[in-house]
N, C-alpha and C. Protein backbone atom coordinates (compact mmCIF):
# COMPACT_ATOMS: atom_id res chain seq x y z
N MET A 1 115.40 119.13 138.83
CA MET A 1 115.20 118.74 137.45
C MET A 1 115.60 117.28 137.25
N SER A 2 114.81 116.55 136.52
CA SER A 2 115.12 115.16 136.28
C SER A 2 116.09 115.03 135.10
N GLN A 3 116.62 113.83 134.93
CA GLN A 3 117.56 113.60 133.83
C GLN A 3 116.87 113.74 132.48
N ASN A 4 115.62 113.35 132.36
CA ASN A 4 114.87 113.45 131.11
C ASN A 4 114.71 114.91 130.69
N GLU A 5 114.45 115.78 131.67
CA GLU A 5 114.30 117.20 131.36
C GLU A 5 115.62 117.78 130.87
N ASN A 6 116.71 117.37 131.45
CA ASN A 6 118.04 117.84 131.03
C ASN A 6 118.35 117.40 129.60
N LYS A 7 117.96 116.20 129.21
CA LYS A 7 118.23 115.69 127.88
C LYS A 7 117.43 116.45 126.83
N ASN A 8 116.24 116.89 127.17
CA ASN A 8 115.39 117.60 126.22
C ASN A 8 115.85 119.04 125.99
N GLU A 9 116.57 119.59 126.92
CA GLU A 9 117.06 120.96 126.75
C GLU A 9 118.29 120.95 125.86
N LYS A 10 118.42 121.98 125.05
CA LYS A 10 119.61 122.10 124.21
C LYS A 10 120.76 122.61 125.06
N ASP A 11 121.95 122.15 124.71
CA ASP A 11 123.13 122.67 125.39
C ASP A 11 123.33 124.12 124.98
N PRO A 12 123.55 124.98 125.94
CA PRO A 12 123.79 126.37 125.56
C PRO A 12 125.16 126.49 124.89
N THR A 13 125.22 127.28 123.82
CA THR A 13 126.49 127.50 123.14
C THR A 13 126.81 128.97 123.15
N LEU A 14 128.06 129.27 123.07
CA LEU A 14 128.50 130.66 123.08
C LEU A 14 128.51 131.26 121.68
N ILE A 15 128.59 130.41 120.67
CA ILE A 15 128.59 130.91 119.29
C ILE A 15 127.49 130.22 118.50
N GLU A 16 127.01 130.91 117.50
CA GLU A 16 125.95 130.34 116.65
C GLU A 16 126.55 129.33 115.69
N GLU A 17 125.72 128.34 115.33
CA GLU A 17 126.15 127.39 114.31
C GLU A 17 126.22 128.10 112.97
N ILE A 18 127.22 127.76 112.19
CA ILE A 18 127.39 128.35 110.86
C ILE A 18 127.12 127.28 109.83
N ASN A 19 126.25 127.59 108.92
CA ASN A 19 125.98 126.68 107.82
C ASN A 19 127.12 126.84 106.80
N ASP A 20 127.93 125.81 106.62
CA ASP A 20 129.08 125.92 105.72
C ASP A 20 128.74 125.52 104.29
N TYR A 21 127.49 125.24 104.02
CA TYR A 21 127.08 124.93 102.65
C TYR A 21 127.08 126.19 101.82
N THR A 22 127.84 126.18 100.74
CA THR A 22 127.89 127.33 99.84
C THR A 22 127.51 126.84 98.45
N PRO A 23 126.35 127.26 97.96
CA PRO A 23 125.95 126.81 96.63
C PRO A 23 126.79 127.49 95.55
N THR A 24 127.17 126.73 94.56
CA THR A 24 127.89 127.27 93.42
C THR A 24 127.26 126.71 92.16
N ASP A 25 127.62 127.30 91.04
CA ASP A 25 127.11 126.71 89.81
C ASP A 25 128.25 126.02 89.07
N VAL A 26 127.90 125.14 88.18
CA VAL A 26 128.86 124.29 87.49
C VAL A 26 129.83 125.12 86.66
N ILE A 27 129.34 126.17 85.99
CA ILE A 27 130.21 126.98 85.13
C ILE A 27 131.32 127.64 85.94
N VAL A 28 130.97 128.21 87.08
CA VAL A 28 131.97 128.85 87.94
C VAL A 28 132.97 127.81 88.43
N ASP A 29 132.49 126.63 88.80
CA ASP A 29 133.38 125.57 89.26
C ASP A 29 134.35 125.14 88.15
N LEU A 30 133.85 125.01 86.94
CA LEU A 30 134.71 124.60 85.82
C LEU A 30 135.74 125.67 85.50
N LYS A 31 135.32 126.92 85.48
CA LYS A 31 136.27 128.01 85.21
C LYS A 31 137.35 128.06 86.28
N SER A 32 136.95 127.88 87.50
CA SER A 32 137.92 127.87 88.60
C SER A 32 138.89 126.70 88.45
N GLY A 33 138.36 125.54 88.05
CA GLY A 33 139.22 124.38 87.84
C GLY A 33 140.21 124.58 86.71
N ILE A 34 139.75 125.17 85.62
CA ILE A 34 140.64 125.45 84.48
C ILE A 34 141.73 126.42 84.90
N TYR A 35 141.35 127.45 85.64
CA TYR A 35 142.33 128.43 86.12
C TYR A 35 143.38 127.75 87.00
N ASN A 36 142.91 126.91 87.92
CA ASN A 36 143.84 126.22 88.82
C ASN A 36 144.77 125.28 88.07
N LEU A 37 144.26 124.61 87.04
CA LEU A 37 145.12 123.75 86.22
C LEU A 37 146.16 124.57 85.48
N PHE A 38 145.75 125.74 84.98
CA PHE A 38 146.69 126.62 84.28
C PHE A 38 147.80 127.08 85.23
N VAL A 39 147.43 127.44 86.44
CA VAL A 39 148.43 127.86 87.43
C VAL A 39 149.38 126.71 87.75
N SER A 40 148.86 125.50 87.85
CA SER A 40 149.72 124.34 88.09
C SER A 40 150.68 124.11 86.93
N LEU A 41 150.17 124.24 85.70
CA LEU A 41 151.02 124.12 84.53
C LEU A 41 152.12 125.17 84.57
N LEU A 42 151.74 126.39 84.87
CA LEU A 42 152.70 127.49 84.94
C LEU A 42 153.76 127.23 86.00
N ASN A 43 153.35 126.79 87.16
CA ASN A 43 154.30 126.50 88.24
C ASN A 43 155.29 125.41 87.84
N ASN A 44 154.80 124.38 87.17
CA ASN A 44 155.70 123.30 86.74
C ASN A 44 156.64 123.76 85.64
N LEU A 45 156.14 124.58 84.72
CA LEU A 45 157.01 125.10 83.66
C LEU A 45 158.08 126.03 84.22
N MET A 46 157.76 126.74 85.28
CA MET A 46 158.75 127.64 85.90
C MET A 46 159.97 126.89 86.40
N LEU A 47 159.76 125.67 86.85
CA LEU A 47 160.89 124.87 87.32
C LEU A 47 161.85 124.54 86.18
N HIS A 48 161.31 124.37 84.98
CA HIS A 48 162.13 123.98 83.84
C HIS A 48 162.66 125.18 83.04
N TYR A 49 161.86 126.24 82.92
CA TYR A 49 162.20 127.33 82.01
C TYR A 49 162.41 128.68 82.68
N GLY A 50 162.07 128.83 83.93
CA GLY A 50 162.09 130.13 84.58
C GLY A 50 160.77 130.85 84.35
N PRO A 51 160.53 131.93 85.07
CA PRO A 51 159.21 132.56 85.03
C PRO A 51 158.81 133.17 83.69
N ILE A 52 159.70 133.82 83.01
CA ILE A 52 159.33 134.50 81.76
C ILE A 52 159.01 133.50 80.67
N GLU A 53 159.89 132.53 80.46
CA GLU A 53 159.64 131.51 79.43
C GLU A 53 158.44 130.64 79.80
N ALA A 54 158.22 130.42 81.09
CA ALA A 54 157.07 129.62 81.52
C ALA A 54 155.77 130.31 81.11
N VAL A 55 155.70 131.61 81.30
CA VAL A 55 154.50 132.35 80.91
C VAL A 55 154.32 132.27 79.40
N ARG A 56 155.42 132.40 78.64
CA ARG A 56 155.33 132.30 77.18
C ARG A 56 154.80 130.94 76.75
N HIS A 57 155.36 129.87 77.31
CA HIS A 57 154.93 128.51 76.94
C HIS A 57 153.48 128.26 77.34
N ALA A 58 153.11 128.64 78.55
CA ALA A 58 151.77 128.37 79.05
C ALA A 58 150.72 129.16 78.28
N THR A 59 150.98 130.43 78.02
CA THR A 59 150.00 131.22 77.28
C THR A 59 149.93 130.80 75.82
N HIS A 60 151.03 130.36 75.25
CA HIS A 60 151.01 129.85 73.88
C HIS A 60 150.12 128.62 73.81
N TYR A 61 150.22 127.77 74.81
CA TYR A 61 149.39 126.57 74.86
C TYR A 61 147.91 126.94 74.93
N ILE A 62 147.56 127.88 75.79
CA ILE A 62 146.17 128.32 75.92
C ILE A 62 145.70 128.99 74.63
N ASP A 63 146.56 129.80 74.01
CA ASP A 63 146.21 130.44 72.73
C ASP A 63 145.93 129.40 71.65
N THR A 64 146.73 128.34 71.61
CA THR A 64 146.54 127.29 70.62
C THR A 64 145.18 126.62 70.81
N ILE A 65 144.84 126.31 72.04
CA ILE A 65 143.53 125.70 72.31
C ILE A 65 142.41 126.65 71.90
N SER A 66 142.53 127.90 72.29
CA SER A 66 141.50 128.90 71.98
C SER A 66 141.35 129.08 70.48
N ASP A 67 142.47 129.16 69.76
CA ASP A 67 142.42 129.34 68.31
C ASP A 67 141.73 128.16 67.61
N LYS A 68 141.99 126.95 68.08
CA LYS A 68 141.35 125.78 67.48
C LYS A 68 139.84 125.86 67.60
N PHE A 69 139.35 126.30 68.75
CA PHE A 69 137.90 126.43 68.92
C PHE A 69 137.35 127.61 68.13
N LYS A 70 138.07 128.70 68.08
CA LYS A 70 137.62 129.87 67.30
C LYS A 70 137.51 129.52 65.82
N ASN A 71 138.39 128.68 65.33
CA ASN A 71 138.37 128.30 63.92
C ASN A 71 137.16 127.45 63.55
N THR A 72 136.45 126.93 64.52
CA THR A 72 135.24 126.16 64.22
C THR A 72 134.02 127.05 64.05
N LEU A 73 134.14 128.34 64.38
CA LEU A 73 133.01 129.26 64.25
C LEU A 73 132.72 129.54 62.78
N PRO A 74 131.45 129.67 62.42
CA PRO A 74 131.08 129.88 61.01
C PRO A 74 131.77 131.09 60.38
N GLU A 75 131.87 132.19 61.10
CA GLU A 75 132.50 133.38 60.50
C GLU A 75 133.98 133.17 60.19
N ASN A 76 134.64 132.31 60.94
CA ASN A 76 136.04 132.02 60.67
C ASN A 76 136.20 131.02 59.53
N GLN A 77 135.24 130.14 59.35
CA GLN A 77 135.31 129.17 58.26
C GLN A 77 135.08 129.85 56.93
N GLU A 78 134.24 130.89 56.87
CA GLU A 78 133.99 131.63 55.63
C GLU A 78 135.25 132.36 55.18
N LYS A 79 136.03 132.88 56.11
CA LYS A 79 137.25 133.62 55.76
C LYS A 79 138.30 132.69 55.15
N GLU A 80 138.32 131.43 55.59
CA GLU A 80 139.31 130.47 55.11
C GLU A 80 138.99 130.02 53.69
N GLN A 81 137.73 130.11 53.26
CA GLN A 81 137.35 129.59 51.93
C GLN A 81 137.61 130.57 50.87
């Protein structure tokens, strides 16, 4: 066999190549990011307040954000008037 023939042949491998591309959608990525940020917040609060108070502070913060957005809904604005 000549050197040119050897170059044209593929090297035999013992394992198949794995395509590591994993498609995701933006919504799942954002939700995952928000969750990871919340866990980071919780971990940092645990250092200052301990686990129980950290959960209280972190969930209160999330509740406050959620309530502000819920209050913008038309059905919630009618109740306030």
